[in-house]
Amino acid sequence: MYRPVLSGPLTPAHRDRLLGAGVEPDILAALTEGRSILRRVEGPLPTWWPGSGNAIYLLDGVRLPERLVELLTTYPFRDTVVVVASDLTHLTCLLVGGDGATVFVGERAFLSDGEIYCGAGSSVVLNGRVVATSRAQLDARNGGSLVAAPDQLWASGVYLATDDMHRLEDLATGARLNPYGATIRLGEHVWLGRDAIVTGHVEIGEGSVVGARSLVRGQKIASHVVVAGTPARVIREGVTWRGEDTP
């Protein structure tokens, strides 16, 4: 287990940056004003880290596996902020792919065998209370952003990606056809079914459900609906759901 040397609290500049990336103000306040607060990691870190403008913050008492730190610092980058307020011993991958990335993992986040990738100038924000049962993949790149409000339930194999990672273009004009630097917003209390894919510019309203193996791509999904299919379409309105499996 990684044994970090911790120093001061979250700086005002980093606070503003996190708020701008989509961290909810009351959630950030709870992590900076209570008995347990975010503290900056001073080391051990690679030799290129000092002077690079990067920062990792951990909530008091949170464990961060050494393998994740090694992976996170595989490739040099600058001006990146990573905040970890949940135990990430269950996470498989935390990788930053360039300068200016912002990653926030709030309290009570559980991503079993999950992977988080954040490219240059991009952001991944999990405000908290996220349960991803197995192998969730989160990918923000090309300046894109992925923001999840509190209270998420994601079944096995969900994939959330702002972009397709490769350019698709019109043969005649050369114009790009697929998303670039897209934004994904998930409202509170969203349930993603097994192997659901969410990609491109997407907004999913609070209390909604995405069916198993469905594709939500470049769509705005209303609150309290069930969507399913490829591409996803509304199959039921006026719903809510519970974590308990009751009759």
C-alpha atoms as a PDB file:
ATOM      1  CA  MET A   1       0.000   0.000   0.000  1.00  0.00           C
ATOM      2  CA  TYR A   2       1.179   3.489  -0.877  1.00  0.00           C
ATOM      3  CA  ARG A   3       2.293   5.464   2.193  1.00  0.00           C
ATOM      4  CA  PRO A   4       2.082   9.102   1.148  1.00  0.00           C
ATOM      5  CA  VAL A   5       3.545  12.134   2.846  1.00  0.00           C
ATOM      6  CA  LEU A   6       0.706  14.635   3.168  1.00  0.00           C
ATOM      7  CA  SER A   7       0.866  18.399   3.547  1.00  0.00           C
ATOM      8  CA  GLY A   8      -1.571  21.287   3.303  1.00  0.00           C
ATOM      9  CA  PRO A   9      -5.240  21.480   2.308  1.00  0.00           C
ATOM     10  CA  LEU A  10      -6.814  22.157  -1.071  1.00  0.00           C
ATOM     11  CA  THR A  11      -5.633  25.450  -2.537  1.00  0.00           C
ATOM     12  CA  PRO A  12      -8.146  28.135  -3.598  1.00  0.00           C
ATOM     13  CA  ALA A  13      -7.010  27.809  -7.214  1.00  0.00           C
ATOM     14  CA  HIS A  14      -7.593  24.056  -7.229  1.00  0.00           C
ATOM     15  CA  ARG A  15     -10.934  24.514  -5.474  1.00  0.00           C
ATOM     16  CA  ASP A  16     -12.075  26.855  -8.260  1.00  0.00           C
ATOM     17  CA  ARG A  17     -10.843  24.437 -10.888  1.00  0.00           C
ATOM     18  CA  LEU A  18     -12.770  21.518  -9.380  1.00  0.00           C
ATOM     19  CA  LEU A  19     -15.944  23.573  -9.154  1.00  0.00           C
ATOM     20  CA  GLY A  20     -15.517  24.578 -12.778  1.00  0.00           C
ATOM     21  CA  ALA A  21     -15.113  20.919 -13.754  1.00  0.00           C
ATOM     22  CA  GLY A  22     -18.464  19.999 -12.203  1.00  0.00           C
ATOM     23  CA  VAL A  23     -17.789  19.115  -8.570  1.00  0.00           C
ATOM     24  CA  GLU A  24     -20.851  20.141  -6.556  1.00  0.00           C
ATOM     25  CA  PRO A  25     -20.114  22.987  -4.099  1.00  0.00           C
ATOM     26  CA  ASP A  26     -21.633  21.299  -1.036  1.00  0.00           C
ATOM     27  CA  ILE A  27     -19.698  18.107  -1.736  1.00  0.00           C
ATOM     28  CA  LEU A  28     -16.419  19.991  -2.043  1.00  0.00           C
ATOM     29  CA  ALA A  29     -17.194  21.992   1.101  1.00  0.00           C
ATOM     30  CA  ALA A  30     -17.706  18.778   3.073  1.00  0.00           C
ATOM     31  CA  LEU A  31     -14.251  17.591   1.995  1.00  0.00           C
ATOM     32  CA  THR A  32     -12.477  20.803   2.961  1.00  0.00           C
ATOM     33  CA  GLU A  33     -14.215  22.009   6.113  1.00  0.00           C
ATOM     34  CA  GLY A  34     -14.851  18.896   8.220  1.00  0.00           C
ATOM     35  CA  ARG A  35     -12.662  16.854  10.538  1.00  0.00           C
ATOM     36  CA  SER A  36     -11.441  14.725   7.635  1.00  0.00           C
ATOM     37  CA  ILE A  37     -10.238  16.954   4.824  1.00  0.00           C
ATOM     38  CA  LEU A  38      -8.371  16.683   1.552  1.00  0.00           C
ATOM     39  CA  ARG A  39      -4.611  16.991   1.896  1.00  0.00           C
ATOM     40  CA  ARG A  40      -1.986  17.340  -0.782  1.00  0.00           C
ATOM     41  CA  VAL A  41       0.385  14.436  -1.455  1.00  0.00           C
ATOM     42  CA  GLU A  42       4.019  15.552  -1.350  1.00  0.00           C
ATOM     43  CA  GLY A  43       5.563  12.163  -2.022  1.00  0.00           C
ATOM     44  CA  PRO A  44       6.890   9.711  -2.774  1.00  0.00           C
ATOM     45  CA  LEU A  45       6.482  10.823  -6.378  1.00  0.00           C
ATOM     46  CA  PRO A  46       8.678  10.706  -9.536  1.00  0.00           C
ATOM     47  CA  THR A  47      11.608  13.052  -9.960  1.00  0.00           C
ATOM     48  CA  TRP A  48       9.808  14.976 -12.742  1.00  0.00           C
ATOM     49  CA  TRP A  49       6.867  15.779 -10.468  1.00  0.00           C
ATOM     50  CA  PRO A  50       8.321  18.781  -8.548  1.00  0.00           C
ATOM     51  CA  GLY A  51       7.776  21.969 -10.471  1.00  0.00           C
ATOM     52  CA  SER A  52       5.352  20.370 -12.910  1.00  0.00           C
ATOM     53  CA  GLY A  53       2.286  22.058 -11.416  1.00  0.00           C
ATOM     54  CA  ASN A  54       0.573  18.730 -10.716  1.00  0.00           C
ATOM     55  CA  ALA A  55      -1.302  17.900  -7.524  1.00  0.00           C
ATOM     56  CA  ILE A  56      -2.785  14.790  -5.928  1.00  0.00           C
ATOM     57  CA  TYR A  57      -5.109  15.216  -2.949  1.00  0.00           C
ATOM     58  CA  LEU A  58      -6.254  12.441  -0.619  1.00  0.00           C
ATOM     59  CA  LEU A  59      -9.000  12.513   1.970  1.00  0.00           C
ATOM     60  CA  ASP A  60      -7.735  11.727   5.457  1.00  0.00           C
ATOM     61  CA  GLY A  61      -7.688   7.972   5.987  1.00  0.00           C
ATOM     62  CA  VAL A  62      -8.240   7.022   2.333  1.00  0.00           C
ATOM     63  CA  ARG A  63      -6.009   4.321   0.886  1.00  0.00           C
ATOM     64  CA  LEU A  64      -4.384   4.645  -2.524  1.00  0.00           C
ATOM     65  CA  PRO A  65      -2.640   1.543  -3.936  1.00  0.00           C
ATOM     66  CA  GLU A  66       0.977   1.986  -4.956  1.00  0.00           C
ATOM     67  CA  ARG A  67       0.276   0.317  -8.319  1.00  0.00           C
ATOM     68  CA  LEU A  68      -2.213   3.076  -9.159  1.00  0.00           C
ATOM     69  CA  VAL A  69       0.325   5.766  -8.316  1.00  0.00           C
ATOM     70  CA  GLU A  70       2.910   4.022 -10.506  1.00  0.00           C
ATOM     71  CA  LEU A  71       0.432   3.821 -13.385  1.00  0.00           C
ATOM     72  CA  LEU A  72      -0.767   7.387 -12.913  1.00  0.00           C
ATOM     73  CA  THR A  73       2.794   8.682 -13.136  1.00  0.00           C
ATOM     74  CA  THR A  74       3.900   6.487 -16.050  1.00  0.00           C
ATOM     75  CA  TYR A  75       3.971   9.380 -18.535  1.00  0.00           C
ATOM     76  CA  PRO A  76       5.074  12.912 -17.569  1.00  0.00           C
ATOM     77  CA  PHE A  77       2.411  15.620 -17.678  1.00  0.00           C
ATOM     78  CA  ARG A  78       1.827  19.082 -16.239  1.00  0.00           C
ATOM     79  CA  ASP A  79      -0.921  21.076 -14.531  1.00  0.00           C
ATOM     80  CA  THR A  80      -3.033  18.044 -13.585  1.00  0.00           C
ATOM     81  CA  VAL A  81      -5.226  17.803 -10.477  1.00  0.00           C
ATOM     82  CA  VAL A  82      -6.316  14.433  -9.078  1.00  0.00           C
ATOM     83  CA  VAL A  83      -8.564  14.214  -6.015  1.00  0.00           C
ATOM     84  CA  VAL A  84      -9.295  10.892  -4.322  1.00  0.00           C
ATOM     85  CA  ALA A  85     -11.868  10.766  -1.522  1.00  0.00           C
ATOM     86  CA  SER A  86     -12.668   7.028  -1.713  1.00  0.00           C
ATOM     87  CA  ASP A  87     -10.646   3.872  -1.186  1.00  0.00           C
ATOM     88  CA  LEU A  88      -9.445   2.862  -4.669  1.00  0.00           C
ATOM     89  CA  THR A  89      -7.932  -0.513  -3.850  1.00  0.00           C
ATOM     90  CA  HIS A  90     -10.602  -2.079  -6.098  1.00  0.00           C
ATOM     91  CA  LEU A  91      -9.771   0.119  -9.122  1.00  0.00           C
ATOM     92  CA  THR A  92      -7.696  -1.465 -11.895  1.00  0.00           C
ATOM     93  CA  CYS A  93      -6.476   1.614 -13.763  1.00  0.00           C
ATOM     94  CA  LEU A  94      -6.113   5.358 -13.162  1.00  0.00           C
ATOM     95  CA  LEU A  95      -4.326   6.940 -16.099  1.00  0.00           C
ATOM     96  CA  VAL A  96      -3.749  10.539 -17.201  1.00  0.00           C
ATOM     97  CA  GLY A  97      -2.916  11.091 -20.852  1.00  0.00           C
ATOM     98  CA  GLY A  98      -1.677  14.670 -20.991  1.00  0.00           C
ATOM     99  CA  ASP A  99      -1.417  18.135 -19.487  1.00  0.00           C
ATOM    100  CA  GLY A 100      -4.274  19.880 -17.729  1.00  0.00           C
ATOM    101  CA  ALA A 101      -6.378  16.858 -16.769  1.00  0.00           C
ATOM    102  CA  THR A 102      -8.782  16.994 -13.816  1.00  0.00           C
ATOM    103  CA  VAL A 103      -9.974  13.871 -11.963  1.00  0.00           C
ATOM    104  CA  PHE A 104     -12.279  13.892  -8.943  1.00  0.00           C
ATOM    105  CA  VAL A 105     -13.450  10.716  -7.201  1.00  0.00           C
ATOM    106  CA  GLY A 106     -15.810  11.647  -4.381  1.00  0.00           C
ATOM    107  CA  GLU A 107     -16.770   9.735  -1.267  1.00  0.00           C
ATOM    108  CA  ARG A 108     -18.414   6.313  -1.320  1.00  0.00           C
ATOM    109  CA  ALA A 109     -17.297   5.456  -4.836  1.00  0.00           C
ATOM    110  CA  PHE A 110     -16.835   1.761  -5.603  1.00  0.00           C
ATOM    111  CA  LEU A 111     -15.651   0.748  -9.071  1.00  0.00           C
ATOM    112  CA  SER A 112     -14.721  -2.931  -8.941  1.00  0.00           C
ATOM    113  CA  ASP A 113     -12.079  -3.675 -11.603  1.00  0.00           C
ATOM    114  CA  GLY A 114     -12.878  -0.255 -13.054  1.00  0.00           C
ATOM    115  CA  GLU A 115     -10.726   1.923 -15.281  1.00  0.00           C
ATOM    116  CA  ILE A 116     -10.475   5.707 -15.425  1.00  0.00           C
ATOM    117  CA  TYR A 117      -8.666   7.484 -18.249  1.00  0.00           C
ATOM    118  CA  CYS A 118      -8.448  11.272 -18.509  1.00  0.00           C
ATOM    119  CA  GLY A 119      -6.735  12.908 -21.453  1.00  0.00           C
ATOM    120  CA  ALA A 120      -5.157  16.331 -21.833  1.00  0.00           C
ATOM    121  CA  GLY A 121      -7.451  19.199 -20.905  1.00  0.00           C
ATOM    122  CA  SER A 122     -10.228  16.755 -20.028  1.00  0.00           C
ATOM    123  CA  SER A 123     -12.078  15.974 -16.817  1.00  0.00           C
ATOM    124  CA  VAL A 124     -13.703  13.060 -15.012  1.00  0.00           C
ATOM    125  CA  VAL A 125     -15.860  13.992 -12.018  1.00  0.00           C
ATOM    126  CA  LEU A 126     -17.650  11.428  -9.846  1.00  0.00           C
ATOM    127  CA  ASN A 127     -19.392  13.483  -7.200  1.00  0.00           C
ATOM    128  CA  GLY A 128     -19.891  10.476  -4.943  1.00  0.00           C
ATOM    129  CA  ARG A 129     -22.029   7.456  -4.054  1.00  0.00           C
ATOM    130  CA  VAL A 130     -21.169   5.541  -7.218  1.00  0.00           C
ATOM    131  CA  VAL A 131     -21.498   1.756  -7.291  1.00  0.00           C
ATOM    132  CA  ALA A 132     -20.117   0.124 -10.439  1.00  0.00           C
ATOM    133  CA  THR A 133     -20.350  -3.612  -9.921  1.00  0.00           C
ATOM    134  CA  SER A 134     -17.609  -4.724 -12.319  1.00  0.00           C
ATOM    135  CA  ARG A 135     -15.346  -3.455 -15.108  1.00  0.00           C
ATOM    136  CA  ALA A 136     -16.736   0.038 -15.638  1.00  0.00           C
ATOM    137  CA  GLN A 137     -14.636   2.016 -18.123  1.00  0.00           C
ATOM    138  CA  LEU A 138     -14.579   5.824 -18.014  1.00  0.00           C
ATOM    139  CA  ASP A 139     -12.794   7.702 -20.785  1.00  0.00           C
ATOM    140  CA  ALA A 140     -12.605  11.485 -21.227  1.00  0.00           C
ATOM    141  CA  ARG A 141     -10.338  12.953 -23.908  1.00  0.00           C
ATOM    142  CA  ASN A 142      -9.805  15.769 -26.403  1.00  0.00           C
ATOM    143  CA  GLY A 143     -10.935  18.344 -23.859  1.00  0.00           C
ATOM    144  CA  GLY A 144     -14.120  16.424 -23.111  1.00  0.00           C
ATOM    145  CA  SER A 145     -15.734  16.006 -19.721  1.00  0.00           C
ATOM    146  CA  LEU A 146     -17.650  13.346 -17.844  1.00  0.00           C
ATOM    147  CA  VAL A 147     -19.639  14.421 -14.777  1.00  0.00           C
ATOM    148  CA  ALA A 148     -21.783  12.104 -12.653  1.00  0.00           C
ATOM    149  CA  ALA A 149     -24.044  13.493  -9.936  1.00  0.00           C
ATOM    150  CA  PRO A 150     -24.307  11.549  -6.653  1.00  0.00           C
ATOM    151  CA  ASP A 151     -26.140   8.225  -6.396  1.00  0.00           C
ATOM    152  CA  GLN A 152     -25.181   6.150  -9.419  1.00  0.00           C
ATOM    153  CA  LEU A 153     -25.718   2.417  -9.958  1.00  0.00           C
ATOM    154  CA  TRP A 154     -23.832   0.918 -12.880  1.00  0.00           C
ATOM    155  CA  ALA A 155     -24.038  -2.778 -13.724  1.00  0.00           C
ATOM    156  CA  SER A 156     -21.146  -4.829 -15.099  1.00  0.00           C
ATOM    157  CA  GLY A 157     -19.325  -3.709 -18.201  1.00  0.00           C
ATOM    158  CA  VAL A 158     -20.639  -0.159 -18.622  1.00  0.00           C
ATOM    159  CA  TYR A 159     -18.616   2.092 -20.921  1.00  0.00           C
ATOM    160  CA  LEU A 160     -18.712   5.885 -20.764  1.00  0.00           C
ATOM    161  CA  ALA A 161     -16.563   7.687 -23.322  1.00  0.00           C
ATOM    162  CA  THR A 162     -16.619  11.276 -24.531  1.00  0.00           C
ATOM    163  CA  ASP A 163     -15.011  10.352 -27.859  1.00  0.00           C
ATOM    164  CA  ASP A 164     -14.379   7.425 -30.200  1.00  0.00           C
ATOM    165  CA  MET A 165     -10.561   7.710 -30.001  1.00  0.00           C
ATOM    166  CA  HIS A 166     -10.228   7.762 -33.813  1.00  0.00           C
ATOM    167  CA  ARG A 167     -11.407  10.205 -36.451  1.00  0.00           C
ATOM    168  CA  LEU A 168     -14.338   9.290 -38.693  1.00  0.00           C
ATOM    169  CA  GLU A 169     -14.721  11.677 -41.615  1.00  0.00           C
ATOM    170  CA  ASP A 170     -16.763  12.259 -44.716  1.00  0.00           C
ATOM    171  CA  LEU A 171     -14.922  10.858 -47.717  1.00  0.00           C
ATOM    172  CA  ALA A 172     -15.825  13.754 -50.005  1.00  0.00           C
ATOM    173  CA  THR A 173     -15.387  16.748 -47.693  1.00  0.00           C
ATOM    174  CA  GLY A 174     -13.029  15.471 -44.990  1.00  0.00           C
ATOM    175  CA  ALA A 175     -15.380  16.835 -42.299  1.00  0.00           C
ATOM    176  CA  ARG A 176     -15.290  15.004 -38.987  1.00  0.00           C
ATOM    177  CA  LEU A 177     -18.438  12.981 -38.355  1.00  0.00           C
ATOM    178  CA  ASN A 178     -17.960  11.567 -34.849  1.00  0.00           C
ATOM    179  CA  PRO A 179     -17.783  13.447 -31.506  1.00  0.00           C
ATOM    180  CA  TYR A 180     -14.687  15.360 -30.452  1.00  0.00           C
ATOM    181  CA  GLY A 181     -14.258  16.764 -26.944  1.00  0.00           C
ATOM    182  CA  ALA A 182     -17.806  15.790 -26.015  1.00  0.00           C
ATOM    183  CA  THR A 183     -19.552  16.209 -22.668  1.00  0.00           C
ATOM    184  CA  ILE A 184     -21.420  13.554 -20.682  1.00  0.00           C
ATOM    185  CA  ARG A 185     -23.689  14.540 -17.783  1.00  0.00           C
ATOM    186  CA  LEU A 186     -25.465  12.013 -15.573  1.00  0.00           C
ATOM    187  CA  GLY A 187     -28.074  13.336 -13.152  1.00  0.00           C
ATOM    188  CA  GLU A 188     -28.711  11.991  -9.669  1.00  0.00           C
ATOM    189  CA  HIS A 189     -29.953   8.443  -9.132  1.00  0.00           C
ATOM    190  CA  VAL A 190     -29.168   7.043 -12.593  1.00  0.00           C
ATOM    191  CA  TRP A 191     -29.088   3.290 -13.223  1.00  0.00           C
ATOM    192  CA  LEU A 192     -27.033   1.982 -16.167  1.00  0.00           C
ATOM    193  CA  GLY A 193     -27.789  -1.615 -17.112  1.00  0.00           C
ATOM    194  CA  ARG A 194     -25.259  -4.285 -17.949  1.00  0.00           C
ATOM    195  CA  ASP A 195     -22.948  -3.440 -20.875  1.00  0.00           C
ATOM    196  CA  ALA A 196     -24.615  -0.067 -21.468  1.00  0.00           C
ATOM    197  CA  ILE A 197     -22.639   2.369 -23.639  1.00  0.00           C
ATOM    198  CA  VAL A 198     -22.844   6.140 -23.158  1.00  0.00           C
ATOM    199  CA  THR A 199     -20.819   8.193 -25.613  1.00  0.00           C
ATOM    200  CA  GLY A 200     -20.641  11.548 -27.352  1.00  0.00           C
ATOM    201  CA  HIS A 201     -22.588  14.591 -26.153  1.00  0.00           C
ATOM    202  CA  VAL A 202     -25.036  13.004 -23.700  1.00  0.00           C
ATOM    203  CA  GLU A 203     -27.260  14.202 -20.878  1.00  0.00           C
ATOM    204  CA  ILE A 204     -29.229  11.715 -18.762  1.00  0.00           C
ATOM    205  CA  GLY A 205     -31.798  13.141 -16.374  1.00  0.00           C
ATOM    206  CA  GLU A 206     -32.205  12.188 -12.735  1.00  0.00           C
ATOM    207  CA  GLY A 207     -33.884   8.937 -11.827  1.00  0.00           C
ATOM    208  CA  SER A 208     -33.619   7.466 -15.318  1.00  0.00           C
ATOM    209  CA  VAL A 209     -32.637   3.932 -16.328  1.00  0.00           C
ATOM    210  CA  VAL A 210     -30.619   2.769 -19.332  1.00  0.00           C
ATOM    211  CA  GLY A 211     -31.382  -0.821 -20.297  1.00  0.00           C
ATOM    212  CA  ALA A 212     -28.833  -3.593 -20.663  1.00  0.00           C
ATOM    213  CA  ARG A 213     -26.658  -3.443 -23.795  1.00  0.00           C
ATOM    214  CA  SER A 214     -28.195  -0.152 -24.870  1.00  0.00           C
ATOM    215  CA  LEU A 215     -26.386   2.642 -26.693  1.00  0.00           C
ATOM    216  CA  VAL A 216     -26.934   6.266 -25.681  1.00  0.00           C
ATOM    217  CA  ARG A 217     -25.022   8.374 -28.178  1.00  0.00           C
ATOM    218  CA  GLY A 218     -25.384  12.090 -28.700  1.00  0.00           C
ATOM    219  CA  GLN A 219     -28.767  12.123 -26.941  1.00  0.00           C
ATOM    220  CA  LYS A 220     -30.555  14.045 -24.204  1.00  0.00           C
ATOM    221  CA  ILE A 221     -32.530  11.660 -22.003  1.00  0.00           C
ATOM    222  CA  ALA A 222     -35.288  13.124 -19.841  1.00  0.00           C
ATOM    223  CA  SER A 223     -35.655  12.489 -16.105  1.00  0.00           C
ATOM    224  CA  HIS A 224     -37.559   9.458 -14.791  1.00  0.00           C
ATOM    225  CA  VAL A 225     -37.685   7.441 -17.984  1.00  0.00           C
ATOM    226  CA  VAL A 226     -36.444   4.030 -19.086  1.00  0.00           C
ATOM    227  CA  VAL A 227     -34.551   3.890 -22.369  1.00  0.00           C
ATOM    228  CA  ALA A 228     -33.362   0.806 -24.220  1.00  0.00           C
ATOM    229  CA  GLY A 229     -32.045  -0.264 -27.593  1.00  0.00           C
ATOM    230  CA  THR A 230     -29.426   0.812 -30.124  1.00  0.00           C
ATOM    231  CA  PRO A 231     -29.816   3.716 -30.388  1.00  0.00           C
ATOM    232  CA  ALA A 232     -31.672   4.060 -27.097  1.00  0.00           C
ATOM    233  CA  ARG A 233     -35.319   5.151 -27.172  1.00  0.00           C
ATOM    234  CA  VAL A 234     -37.830   5.804 -24.420  1.00  0.00           C
ATOM    235  CA  ILE A 235     -39.839   2.696 -23.555  1.00  0.00           C
ATOM    236  CA  ARG A 236     -41.402   3.893 -20.291  1.00  0.00           C
ATOM    237  CA  GLU A 237     -42.032   7.276 -18.685  1.00  0.00           C
ATOM    238  CA  GLY A 238     -42.822   8.335 -15.133  1.00  0.00           C
ATOM    239  CA  VAL A 239     -40.595   5.813 -13.340  1.00  0.00           C
ATOM    240  CA  THR A 240     -38.274   5.673 -10.386  1.00  0.00           C
ATOM    241  CA  TRP A 241     -36.154   2.838  -9.045  1.00  0.00           C
ATOM    242  CA  ARG A 242     -34.785   1.463  -5.796  1.00  0.00           C
ATOM    243  CA  GLY A 243     -31.534  -0.204  -4.898  1.00  0.00           C
ATOM    244  CA  GLU A 244     -33.431  -2.821  -2.925  1.00  0.00           C
ATOM    245  CA  ASP A 245     -34.837  -5.798  -4.836  1.00  0.00           C
ATOM    246  CA  THR A 246     -38.350  -5.850  -3.326  1.00  0.00           C
ATOM    247  CA  PRO A 247     -41.597  -7.396  -4.700  1.00  0.00           C
END
